[in-house]
C-alpha atoms as a PDB file:
ATOM      1  CA  MET A   1      43.150 119.624 146.502  1.00  0.00           C
ATOM      2  CA  ALA A   2      46.344 117.629 147.067  1.00  0.00           C
ATOM      3  CA  GLN A   3      49.655 119.305 146.380  1.00  0.00           C
ATOM      4  CA  ALA A   4      51.165 118.139 143.077  1.00  0.00           C
ATOM      5  CA  HIS A   5      54.491 116.350 143.194  1.00  0.00           C
ATOM      6  CA  GLN A   6      57.292 118.458 141.755  1.00  0.00           C
ATOM      7  CA  PRO A   7      60.190 116.550 140.158  1.00  0.00           C
ATOM      8  CA  GLN A   8      63.529 116.894 141.914  1.00  0.00           C
ATOM      9  CA  PRO A   9      66.835 117.518 140.079  1.00  0.00           C
ATOM     10  CA  ALA A  10      69.082 114.556 139.468  1.00  0.00           C
ATOM     11  CA  SER A  11      71.736 114.118 142.119  1.00  0.00           C
ATOM     12  CA  ASP A  12      72.556 110.445 141.746  1.00  0.00           C
ATOM     13  CA  GLY A  13      76.314 109.962 141.811  1.00  0.00           C
ATOM     14  CA  ASP A  14      75.942 106.964 139.468  1.00  0.00           C
ATOM     15  CA  LEU A  15      75.207 109.196 136.473  1.00  0.00           C
ATOM     16  CA  ASP A  16      77.753 111.090 134.409  1.00  0.00           C
ATOM     17  CA  PRO A  17      77.456 114.897 134.257  1.00  0.00           C
ATOM     18  CA  HIS A  18      75.882 114.839 130.770  1.00  0.00           C
ATOM     19  CA  GLN A  19      73.324 112.297 131.985  1.00  0.00           C
ATOM     20  CA  ASN A  20      72.438 114.448 135.013  1.00  0.00           C
ATOM     21  CA  GLU A  21      71.994 117.389 132.642  1.00  0.00           C
ATOM     22  CA  ALA A  22      69.602 115.366 130.458  1.00  0.00           C
ATOM     23  CA  VAL A  23      67.558 114.211 133.468  1.00  0.00           C
ATOM     24  CA  ASP A  24      67.354 117.751 134.838  1.00  0.00           C
ATOM     25  CA  ALA A  25      66.228 119.103 131.450  1.00  0.00           C
ATOM     26  CA  ALA A  26      63.479 116.470 131.184  1.00  0.00           C
ATOM     27  CA  LEU A  27      62.306 117.194 134.739  1.00  0.00           C
ATOM     28  CA  ARG A  28      62.178 120.937 134.035  1.00  0.00           C
ATOM     29  CA  ARG A  29      60.015 120.203 131.014  1.00  0.00           C
ATOM     30  CA  LEU A  30      57.700 118.039 133.146  1.00  0.00           C
ATOM     31  CA  SER A  31      57.270 120.617 135.921  1.00  0.00           C
ATOM     32  CA  ILE A  32      53.670 121.669 136.411  1.00  0.00           C
ATOM     33  CA  PRO A  33      53.124 125.138 134.900  1.00  0.00           C
ATOM     34  CA  ALA A  34      51.549 127.988 136.883  1.00  0.00           C
ATOM     35  CA  GLY A  35      48.152 127.406 135.272  1.00  0.00           C
ATOM     36  CA  GLY A  36      48.093 123.736 136.301  1.00  0.00           C
ATOM     37  CA  VAL A  37      48.403 120.594 134.232  1.00  0.00           C
ATOM     38  CA  PRO A  38      47.288 121.229 130.645  1.00  0.00           C
ATOM     39  CA  PRO A  39      44.345 119.123 129.357  1.00  0.00           C
ATOM     40  CA  GLU A  40      46.697 117.094 127.157  1.00  0.00           C
ATOM     41  CA  GLY A  41      48.911 116.254 130.147  1.00  0.00           C
ATOM     42  CA  LEU A  42      52.638 116.651 130.659  1.00  0.00           C
ATOM     43  CA  ARG A  43      54.868 114.951 128.133  1.00  0.00           C
ATOM     44  CA  THR A  44      58.431 115.166 126.964  1.00  0.00           C
ATOM     45  CA  GLN A  45      60.745 113.186 124.758  1.00  0.00           C
ATOM     46  CA  ALA A  46      64.429 112.557 125.356  1.00  0.00           C
ATOM     47  CA  ILE A  47      66.678 111.305 122.593  1.00  0.00           C
ATOM     48  CA  ALA A  48      70.087 109.920 123.510  1.00  0.00           C
ATOM     49  CA  ALA A  49      72.810 108.801 121.159  1.00  0.00           C
ATOM     50  CA  THR A  50      73.790 105.134 121.145  1.00  0.00           C
ATOM     51  CA  GLY A  51      76.341 104.478 123.869  1.00  0.00           C
ATOM     52  CA  SER A  52      75.607 107.686 125.807  1.00  0.00           C
ATOM     53  CA  GLY A  53      73.941 105.897 128.714  1.00  0.00           C
ATOM     54  CA  GLY A  54      70.369 106.948 127.944  1.00  0.00           C
ATOM     55  CA  GLY A  55      69.046 103.629 129.210  1.00  0.00           C
ATOM     56  CA  GLN A  56      70.501 104.328 132.638  1.00  0.00           C
ATOM     57  CA  TRP A  57      68.677 107.595 133.228  1.00  0.00           C
ATOM     58  CA  SER A  58      65.509 106.771 131.285  1.00  0.00           C
ATOM     59  CA  SER A  59      64.754 103.858 133.603  1.00  0.00           C
ATOM     60  CA  ARG A  60      65.232 105.804 136.850  1.00  0.00           C
ATOM     61  CA  PRO A  61      62.104 106.326 138.952  1.00  0.00           C
END
């Protein structure tokens, strides 16, 4: 079986500290648990206030 890709923490200098924190929190939530990917898949939701730059980090690959 192929090794699953594990998300890497945000380190892009273009993001503000609070944006890096939001990206890191979302990636932690999307990390594959010890038992493997649950049947319903991995999902998370991030809510950013207007003007906080959420569009910048939500569109990052």
